[in-house]
N, C-alpha and C. Protein backbone atom coordinates (compact mmCIF):
# COMPACT_ATOMS: atom_id res chain seq x y z
N MET A 1 103.13 97.27 55.87
CA MET A 1 103.68 96.21 56.66
C MET A 1 104.66 96.72 57.70
N LEU A 2 104.65 97.97 57.93
CA LEU A 2 105.60 98.54 58.88
C LEU A 2 105.04 98.49 60.29
N TRP A 3 104.83 97.27 60.79
CA TRP A 3 104.23 97.17 62.11
C TRP A 3 105.14 97.73 63.18
N TRP A 4 106.42 97.90 62.86
CA TRP A 4 107.33 98.49 63.85
C TRP A 4 106.84 99.86 64.28
N TRP A 5 106.22 100.60 63.36
CA TRP A 5 105.74 101.92 63.76
C TRP A 5 104.23 102.03 63.67
N LEU A 6 103.56 100.94 63.41
CA LEU A 6 102.11 100.96 63.41
C LEU A 6 101.55 100.50 64.75
N ASP A 7 102.36 99.81 65.55
CA ASP A 7 101.92 99.40 66.86
C ASP A 7 101.75 100.63 67.74
N PRO A 8 101.05 100.47 68.86
CA PRO A 8 100.95 101.59 69.78
C PRO A 8 102.33 102.13 70.11
N LEU A 9 102.39 103.42 70.28
CA LEU A 9 103.67 104.10 70.44
C LEU A 9 104.30 103.84 71.79
N ASP A 10 105.60 103.70 71.78
CA ASP A 10 106.39 103.66 73.00
C ASP A 10 106.97 105.06 73.16
N LEU A 11 106.29 105.88 73.92
CA LEU A 11 106.65 107.29 74.00
C LEU A 11 107.89 107.56 74.83
N GLN A 12 108.30 106.61 75.60
CA GLN A 12 109.45 106.81 76.48
C GLN A 12 109.24 108.05 77.35
N LEU A 13 108.00 108.25 77.76
CA LEU A 13 107.68 109.39 78.61
C LEU A 13 107.38 108.94 80.03
N GLY A 14 107.82 107.76 80.37
CA GLY A 14 107.62 107.29 81.73
C GLY A 14 106.16 107.15 82.13
N GLY A 15 105.30 106.85 81.17
CA GLY A 15 103.90 106.66 81.49
C GLY A 15 103.12 107.95 81.67
N ARG A 16 103.74 109.09 81.47
CA ARG A 16 103.04 110.36 81.62
C ARG A 16 102.12 110.60 80.44
N ASN A 17 101.20 111.50 80.63
CA ASN A 17 100.39 111.96 79.51
C ASN A 17 101.28 112.73 78.57
N PRO A 18 100.93 112.80 77.30
CA PRO A 18 101.73 113.60 76.39
C PRO A 18 101.90 115.01 76.94
N THR A 19 103.05 115.59 76.67
CA THR A 19 103.42 116.86 77.25
C THR A 19 102.58 118.01 76.70
N LEU A 20 102.16 117.89 75.47
CA LEU A 20 101.36 118.96 74.90
C LEU A 20 99.92 118.80 75.33
N PRO A 21 99.27 119.89 75.69
CA PRO A 21 97.89 119.78 76.16
C PRO A 21 96.96 119.34 75.04
N ARG A 22 96.15 118.33 75.31
CA ARG A 22 95.23 117.82 74.30
C ARG A 22 93.97 118.68 74.19
N ASP A 23 93.67 119.45 75.22
CA ASP A 23 92.43 120.21 75.18
C ASP A 23 92.61 121.59 74.56
N THR A 24 93.82 121.92 74.10
CA THR A 24 94.04 123.19 73.44
C THR A 24 93.46 123.10 72.04
N THR A 25 92.53 123.97 71.73
CA THR A 25 91.90 123.92 70.42
C THR A 25 92.42 125.03 69.55
N SER A 26 92.10 124.95 68.28
CA SER A 26 92.55 125.97 67.34
C SER A 26 91.90 127.32 67.65
N GLU A 27 90.80 127.32 68.40
CA GLU A 27 90.11 128.57 68.70
C GLU A 27 90.60 129.22 69.99
N ASN A 28 91.72 128.81 70.49
CA ASN A 28 92.26 129.40 71.71
C ASN A 28 92.53 130.88 71.45
N PRO A 29 91.89 131.78 72.22
CA PRO A 29 92.06 133.21 71.97
C PRO A 29 93.49 133.70 72.22
N ALA A 30 94.29 132.92 72.91
CA ALA A 30 95.69 133.32 73.14
C ALA A 30 96.53 133.14 71.88
N PHE A 31 96.04 132.34 70.92
CA PHE A 31 96.78 132.10 69.68
C PHE A 31 96.46 133.19 68.67
N SER A 32 97.43 133.49 67.84
CA SER A 32 97.20 134.43 66.75
C SER A 32 96.21 133.80 65.77
N GLU A 33 95.62 134.64 64.92
CA GLU A 33 94.70 134.11 63.92
C GLU A 33 95.40 133.11 63.00
N ALA A 34 96.66 133.40 62.67
CA ALA A 34 97.42 132.49 61.80
C ALA A 34 97.63 131.14 62.48
N GLU A 35 97.95 131.16 63.77
CA GLU A 35 98.15 129.90 64.49
C GLU A 35 96.84 129.14 64.62
N GLN A 36 95.75 129.84 64.89
CA GLN A 36 94.45 129.18 64.97
C GLN A 36 94.11 128.51 63.64
N ALA A 37 94.38 129.21 62.54
CA ALA A 37 94.10 128.64 61.22
C ALA A 37 94.99 127.43 60.96
N ARG A 38 96.25 127.51 61.35
CA ARG A 38 97.18 126.39 61.16
C ARG A 38 96.71 125.16 61.94
N LYS A 39 96.30 125.37 63.18
CA LYS A 39 95.85 124.25 64.01
C LYS A 39 94.52 123.69 63.49
N ARG A 40 93.65 124.55 63.04
CA ARG A 40 92.39 124.09 62.47
C ARG A 40 92.65 123.24 61.22
N ALA A 41 93.57 123.69 60.37
CA ALA A 41 93.91 122.95 59.15
C ALA A 41 94.51 121.59 59.51
N LEU A 42 95.35 121.54 60.52
CA LEU A 42 95.93 120.26 60.96
C LEU A 42 94.83 119.32 61.43
N ARG A 43 93.92 119.85 62.25
CA ARG A 43 92.84 119.01 62.78
C ARG A 43 91.96 118.50 61.65
N GLU A 44 91.60 119.37 60.71
CA GLU A 44 90.76 118.96 59.59
C GLU A 44 91.45 117.92 58.71
N ARG A 45 92.73 118.12 58.49
CA ARG A 45 93.48 117.16 57.66
C ARG A 45 93.61 115.82 58.37
N THR A 46 93.81 115.85 59.68
CA THR A 46 93.89 114.61 60.46
C THR A 46 92.60 113.81 60.30
N VAL A 47 91.48 114.47 60.41
CA VAL A 47 90.18 113.81 60.25
C VAL A 47 90.01 113.32 58.81
N ALA A 48 90.34 114.16 57.84
CA ALA A 48 90.18 113.80 56.43
C ALA A 48 91.02 112.58 56.06
N LEU A 49 92.19 112.42 56.69
CA LEU A 49 93.06 111.29 56.40
C LEU A 49 92.74 110.06 57.25
N SER A 50 91.73 110.16 58.10
CA SER A 50 91.32 109.05 58.98
C SER A 50 92.42 108.64 59.94
N VAL A 51 93.20 109.61 60.41
CA VAL A 51 94.25 109.35 61.39
C VAL A 51 93.69 109.66 62.77
N ASP A 52 93.90 108.75 63.70
CA ASP A 52 93.48 108.98 65.07
C ASP A 52 94.26 110.16 65.63
N PRO A 53 93.59 111.22 66.06
CA PRO A 53 94.30 112.39 66.58
C PRO A 53 95.25 112.05 67.74
N ALA A 54 94.87 111.12 68.59
CA ALA A 54 95.74 110.74 69.70
C ALA A 54 97.03 110.11 69.18
N PHE A 55 96.94 109.31 68.11
CA PHE A 55 98.13 108.72 67.52
C PHE A 55 99.03 109.81 66.96
N LEU A 56 98.45 110.77 66.25
CA LEU A 56 99.24 111.86 65.67
C LEU A 56 99.92 112.67 66.77
N VAL A 57 99.20 112.97 67.85
CA VAL A 57 99.80 113.72 68.96
C VAL A 57 100.95 112.94 69.55
N SER A 58 100.77 111.64 69.77
CA SER A 58 101.82 110.81 70.36
C SER A 58 103.05 110.74 69.47
N LEU A 59 102.83 110.50 68.19
CA LEU A 59 103.95 110.42 67.24
C LEU A 59 104.67 111.76 67.17
N THR A 60 103.92 112.83 67.08
CA THR A 60 104.52 114.16 66.97
C THR A 60 105.25 114.53 68.24
N ASP A 61 104.66 114.22 69.39
CA ASP A 61 105.35 114.48 70.66
C ASP A 61 106.70 113.77 70.69
N GLN A 62 106.69 112.50 70.30
CA GLN A 62 107.93 111.73 70.36
C GLN A 62 109.00 112.36 69.48
N LEU A 63 108.65 112.69 68.25
CA LEU A 63 109.63 113.28 67.34
C LEU A 63 110.05 114.68 67.79
N PHE A 64 109.11 115.46 68.28
CA PHE A 64 109.42 116.81 68.77
C PHE A 64 110.44 116.74 69.91
N PHE A 65 110.20 115.84 70.86
CA PHE A 65 111.10 115.76 72.02
C PHE A 65 112.42 115.08 71.69
N GLU A 66 112.46 114.26 70.66
CA GLU A 66 113.75 113.75 70.20
C GLU A 66 114.58 114.88 69.61
N GLN A 67 113.92 115.82 68.94
CA GLN A 67 114.62 116.97 68.37
C GLN A 67 114.91 118.05 69.40
N ASN A 68 114.18 118.03 70.50
CA ASN A 68 114.32 119.04 71.56
C ASN A 68 114.41 118.36 72.91
N PRO A 69 115.46 117.57 73.14
CA PRO A 69 115.52 116.80 74.40
C PRO A 69 115.55 117.70 75.64
N ASN A 70 116.02 118.91 75.48
CA ASN A 70 116.06 119.82 76.63
C ASN A 70 114.66 120.26 77.07
N LEU A 71 113.65 120.02 76.24
CA LEU A 71 112.28 120.39 76.58
C LEU A 71 111.48 119.22 77.15
N GLN A 72 112.09 118.04 77.17
CA GLN A 72 111.40 116.84 77.66
C GLN A 72 110.79 117.12 79.02
N GLY A 73 109.51 116.85 79.15
CA GLY A 73 108.82 117.05 80.42
C GLY A 73 108.32 118.47 80.64
N THR A 74 108.60 119.36 79.72
CA THR A 74 108.16 120.74 79.85
C THR A 74 106.94 120.94 78.96
N PRO A 75 105.79 121.18 79.54
CA PRO A 75 104.61 121.35 78.69
C PRO A 75 104.67 122.66 77.89
N LEU A 76 104.22 122.57 76.65
CA LEU A 76 104.07 123.79 75.86
C LEU A 76 102.80 124.49 76.33
N THR A 77 102.88 125.78 76.47
CA THR A 77 101.74 126.55 76.94
C THR A 77 101.13 127.34 75.80
N ASP A 78 100.07 128.02 76.08
CA ASP A 78 99.47 128.90 75.08
C ASP A 78 100.03 130.32 75.19
N LYS A 79 101.11 130.49 75.94
CA LYS A 79 101.73 131.80 76.11
C LYS A 79 102.54 132.18 74.87
N PRO A 80 102.65 133.47 74.61
CA PRO A 80 103.38 133.93 73.41
C PRO A 80 104.82 133.41 73.34
N GLU A 81 105.48 133.23 74.47
CA GLU A 81 106.87 132.77 74.42
C GLU A 81 107.01 131.34 73.90
N ASP A 82 105.92 130.58 73.86
CA ASP A 82 105.96 129.22 73.31
C ASP A 82 105.47 129.15 71.87
N ALA A 83 105.16 130.29 71.26
CA ALA A 83 104.60 130.29 69.90
C ALA A 83 105.53 129.61 68.90
N ALA A 84 106.84 129.88 68.97
CA ALA A 84 107.78 129.27 68.03
C ALA A 84 107.84 127.76 68.23
N ARG A 85 107.80 127.31 69.47
CA ARG A 85 107.81 125.86 69.73
C ARG A 85 106.53 125.20 69.24
N ARG A 86 105.41 125.87 69.44
CA ARG A 86 104.14 125.32 68.93
C ARG A 86 104.17 125.25 67.41
N ALA A 87 104.75 126.25 66.78
CA ALA A 87 104.87 126.23 65.31
C ALA A 87 105.75 125.07 64.86
N GLU A 88 106.83 124.82 65.59
CA GLU A 88 107.71 123.69 65.27
C GLU A 88 106.95 122.38 65.43
N TRP A 89 106.19 122.25 66.52
CA TRP A 89 105.41 121.05 66.76
C TRP A 89 104.40 120.85 65.63
N ASP A 90 103.71 121.93 65.24
CA ASP A 90 102.73 121.85 64.17
C ASP A 90 103.39 121.43 62.85
N ALA A 91 104.60 121.92 62.59
CA ALA A 91 105.31 121.55 61.36
C ALA A 91 105.65 120.06 61.37
N ILE A 92 106.04 119.55 62.51
CA ILE A 92 106.33 118.12 62.63
C ILE A 92 105.05 117.31 62.41
N ALA A 93 103.95 117.77 62.99
CA ALA A 93 102.66 117.08 62.80
C ALA A 93 102.27 117.07 61.33
N ALA A 94 102.44 118.21 60.65
CA ALA A 94 102.10 118.28 59.22
C ALA A 94 102.99 117.34 58.41
N ALA A 95 104.27 117.28 58.74
CA ALA A 95 105.18 116.36 58.05
C ALA A 95 104.78 114.91 58.29
N ASN A 96 104.34 114.60 59.51
CA ASN A 96 103.87 113.25 59.81
C ASN A 96 102.65 112.91 58.97
N LEU A 97 101.73 113.85 58.84
CA LEU A 97 100.55 113.61 58.01
C LEU A 97 100.94 113.40 56.56
N ASP A 98 101.91 114.18 56.06
CA ASP A 98 102.41 113.99 54.69
C ASP A 98 102.93 112.57 54.52
N LEU A 99 103.74 112.14 55.47
CA LEU A 99 104.35 110.81 55.42
C LEU A 99 103.28 109.72 55.44
N LEU A 100 102.32 109.86 56.33
CA LEU A 100 101.26 108.85 56.44
C LEU A 100 100.39 108.82 55.20
N GLU A 101 100.06 109.99 54.67
CA GLU A 101 99.23 110.05 53.47
C GLU A 101 99.93 109.41 52.27
N ALA A 102 101.22 109.65 52.14
CA ALA A 102 101.97 109.17 50.98
C ALA A 102 102.26 107.67 51.05
N ASN A 103 102.24 107.09 52.23
CA ASN A 103 102.72 105.72 52.37
C ASN A 103 101.71 104.71 52.88
N LEU A 104 100.55 105.15 53.33
CA LEU A 104 99.58 104.22 53.89
C LEU A 104 98.21 104.43 53.28
N SER A 105 97.49 103.35 53.17
CA SER A 105 96.10 103.43 52.70
C SER A 105 95.24 104.06 53.78
N THR A 106 94.04 104.46 53.40
CA THR A 106 93.10 105.02 54.37
C THR A 106 92.81 104.01 55.46
N GLU A 107 92.64 102.75 55.07
CA GLU A 107 92.36 101.71 56.06
C GLU A 107 93.51 101.56 57.05
N ALA A 108 94.73 101.54 56.55
CA ALA A 108 95.89 101.42 57.44
C ALA A 108 96.01 102.64 58.35
N ARG A 109 95.79 103.83 57.79
CA ARG A 109 95.86 105.05 58.62
C ARG A 109 94.82 105.02 59.73
N SER A 110 93.64 104.50 59.42
CA SER A 110 92.57 104.49 60.42
C SER A 110 92.87 103.53 61.57
N LYS A 111 93.79 102.60 61.36
CA LYS A 111 94.10 101.62 62.39
C LYS A 111 95.42 101.91 63.12
N LEU A 112 96.08 103.02 62.78
CA LEU A 112 97.36 103.33 63.41
C LEU A 112 97.22 103.34 64.93
N GLY A 113 98.16 102.69 65.57
CA GLY A 113 98.15 102.61 67.02
C GLY A 113 97.32 101.47 67.57
N SER A 114 96.62 100.76 66.69
CA SER A 114 95.77 99.69 67.20
C SER A 114 96.07 98.33 66.57
N PHE A 115 97.13 98.26 65.75
CA PHE A 115 97.52 96.96 65.20
C PHE A 115 98.01 96.08 66.33
N SER A 116 97.71 94.80 66.23
CA SER A 116 98.04 93.86 67.30
C SER A 116 99.09 92.85 66.84
N ASN A 117 99.54 92.05 67.78
CA ASN A 117 100.44 90.95 67.44
C ASN A 117 99.74 89.97 66.50
N ALA A 118 98.44 89.82 66.65
CA ALA A 118 97.69 88.93 65.76
C ALA A 118 97.74 89.44 64.33
N ASP A 119 97.65 90.77 64.15
CA ASP A 119 97.78 91.35 62.80
C ASP A 119 99.16 91.05 62.23
N ARG A 120 100.18 91.27 63.05
CA ARG A 120 101.54 91.01 62.60
C ARG A 120 101.71 89.55 62.22
N ASP A 121 101.20 88.65 63.05
CA ASP A 121 101.31 87.23 62.76
C ASP A 121 100.58 86.86 61.47
N ARG A 122 99.43 87.47 61.23
CA ARG A 122 98.68 87.22 60.00
C ARG A 122 99.47 87.68 58.79
N TRP A 123 100.04 88.90 58.86
CA TRP A 123 100.84 89.41 57.75
C TRP A 123 102.06 88.53 57.50
N GLN A 124 102.68 88.11 58.59
CA GLN A 124 103.86 87.27 58.48
C GLN A 124 103.49 85.95 57.80
N GLY A 125 102.37 85.38 58.18
CA GLY A 125 101.91 84.14 57.54
C GLY A 125 101.64 84.33 56.06
N GLN A 126 101.04 85.46 55.70
CA GLN A 126 100.76 85.74 54.29
C GLN A 126 102.06 85.85 53.49
N VAL A 127 103.04 86.50 54.06
CA VAL A 127 104.32 86.67 53.37
C VAL A 127 105.05 85.33 53.31
N ASN A 128 105.02 84.57 54.40
CA ASN A 128 105.67 83.26 54.41
C ASN A 128 105.05 82.33 53.37
N ALA A 129 103.76 82.48 53.12
CA ALA A 129 103.09 81.66 52.10
C ALA A 129 103.62 81.97 50.71
N LEU A 130 104.24 83.12 50.54
CA LEU A 130 104.85 83.50 49.27
C LEU A 130 106.33 83.09 49.21
N TYR A 131 106.74 82.26 50.16
CA TYR A 131 108.10 81.75 50.26
C TYR A 131 109.12 82.85 50.56
N VAL A 132 108.67 83.83 51.32
CA VAL A 132 109.58 84.86 51.85
C VAL A 132 109.74 84.58 53.33
N SER A 133 110.98 84.44 53.77
CA SER A 133 111.21 84.09 55.17
C SER A 133 110.86 85.26 56.09
N SER A 134 110.63 84.93 57.34
CA SER A 134 110.36 85.96 58.34
C SER A 134 111.55 86.90 58.47
N LYS A 135 112.76 86.34 58.42
CA LYS A 135 113.96 87.18 58.51
C LYS A 135 114.02 88.17 57.34
N ALA A 136 113.70 87.71 56.13
CA ALA A 136 113.69 88.61 54.98
C ALA A 136 112.62 89.68 55.15
N LEU A 137 111.47 89.29 55.68
CA LEU A 137 110.40 90.26 55.92
C LEU A 137 110.87 91.33 56.89
N TYR A 138 111.53 90.93 57.98
CA TYR A 138 112.03 91.90 58.95
C TYR A 138 113.06 92.83 58.30
N GLU A 139 113.93 92.27 57.47
CA GLU A 139 114.95 93.09 56.81
C GLU A 139 114.30 94.09 55.85
N LEU A 140 113.31 93.63 55.10
CA LEU A 140 112.60 94.54 54.19
C LEU A 140 111.86 95.63 54.96
N THR A 141 111.25 95.24 56.06
CA THR A 141 110.54 96.21 56.90
C THR A 141 111.50 97.23 57.46
N ASN A 142 112.64 96.78 57.96
CA ASN A 142 113.63 97.70 58.50
C ASN A 142 114.16 98.64 57.42
N ALA A 143 114.37 98.13 56.22
CA ALA A 143 114.85 98.98 55.13
C ALA A 143 113.83 100.06 54.80
N ARG A 144 112.56 99.69 54.75
CA ARG A 144 111.52 100.69 54.47
C ARG A 144 111.42 101.70 55.60
N PHE A 145 111.51 101.23 56.81
CA PHE A 145 111.49 102.13 57.97
C PHE A 145 112.63 103.15 57.86
N ASN A 146 113.81 102.66 57.51
CA ASN A 146 114.96 103.56 57.38
C ASN A 146 114.78 104.58 56.26
N GLN A 147 114.06 104.20 55.22
CA GLN A 147 113.74 105.17 54.16
C GLN A 147 112.82 106.25 54.68
N LEU A 148 111.82 105.85 55.44
CA LEU A 148 110.82 106.79 55.93
C LEU A 148 111.32 107.63 57.09
N PHE A 149 112.16 107.05 57.93
CA PHE A 149 112.67 107.72 59.12
C PHE A 149 114.19 107.64 59.14
N PRO A 150 114.85 108.36 58.25
CA PRO A 150 116.32 108.26 58.20
C PRO A 150 116.96 108.70 59.51
N GLY A 151 117.98 107.95 59.89
CA GLY A 151 118.74 108.28 61.09
C GLY A 151 118.10 107.82 62.39
N ARG A 152 116.93 107.21 62.32
CA ARG A 152 116.27 106.73 63.54
C ARG A 152 116.61 105.27 63.76
N PRO A 153 116.75 104.87 64.99
CA PRO A 153 117.02 103.45 65.26
C PRO A 153 115.79 102.61 64.91
N ASN A 154 116.05 101.37 64.53
CA ASN A 154 114.96 100.43 64.22
C ASN A 154 114.32 99.96 65.52
N ARG A 155 113.26 100.63 65.90
CA ARG A 155 112.53 100.27 67.11
C ARG A 155 111.12 100.77 66.95
N VAL A 156 110.27 100.36 67.87
CA VAL A 156 108.88 100.80 67.84
C VAL A 156 108.88 102.29 68.15
N LEU A 157 108.15 103.05 67.34
CA LEU A 157 108.03 104.50 67.61
C LEU A 157 107.10 104.75 68.76
């Protein structure tokens, strides 16, 4: 029920494409064998968990740049000097997959980034039918969000 972070992401990137190149594959010869294996494992796990790769990239970009605001707008390259940053990005992506796997069903994961206001309204109606107010639902949702994303403001990711 965490539609706050299930809705399409607000990347706060000014409408730009994500900073990390989407066409970089795990088989990039500029990457070490270990990095290629790490990226391949991330891609395979993303598919196995039914997570939209574009959603994972967007979520990971947002969290990466919140942790590294000085890099905002600077694309990561396949050059050796960016290897540590790519490893950090990959670690954030892996942590995101851990979080999604532990807290969402396969069906919910497969719909990440595509939930609509109609979905939210339907869920709200279902909860209201159980005599839980919309305000209580929002409070419960915010509390769960704060558990999953400590220290983050309650807003759409």
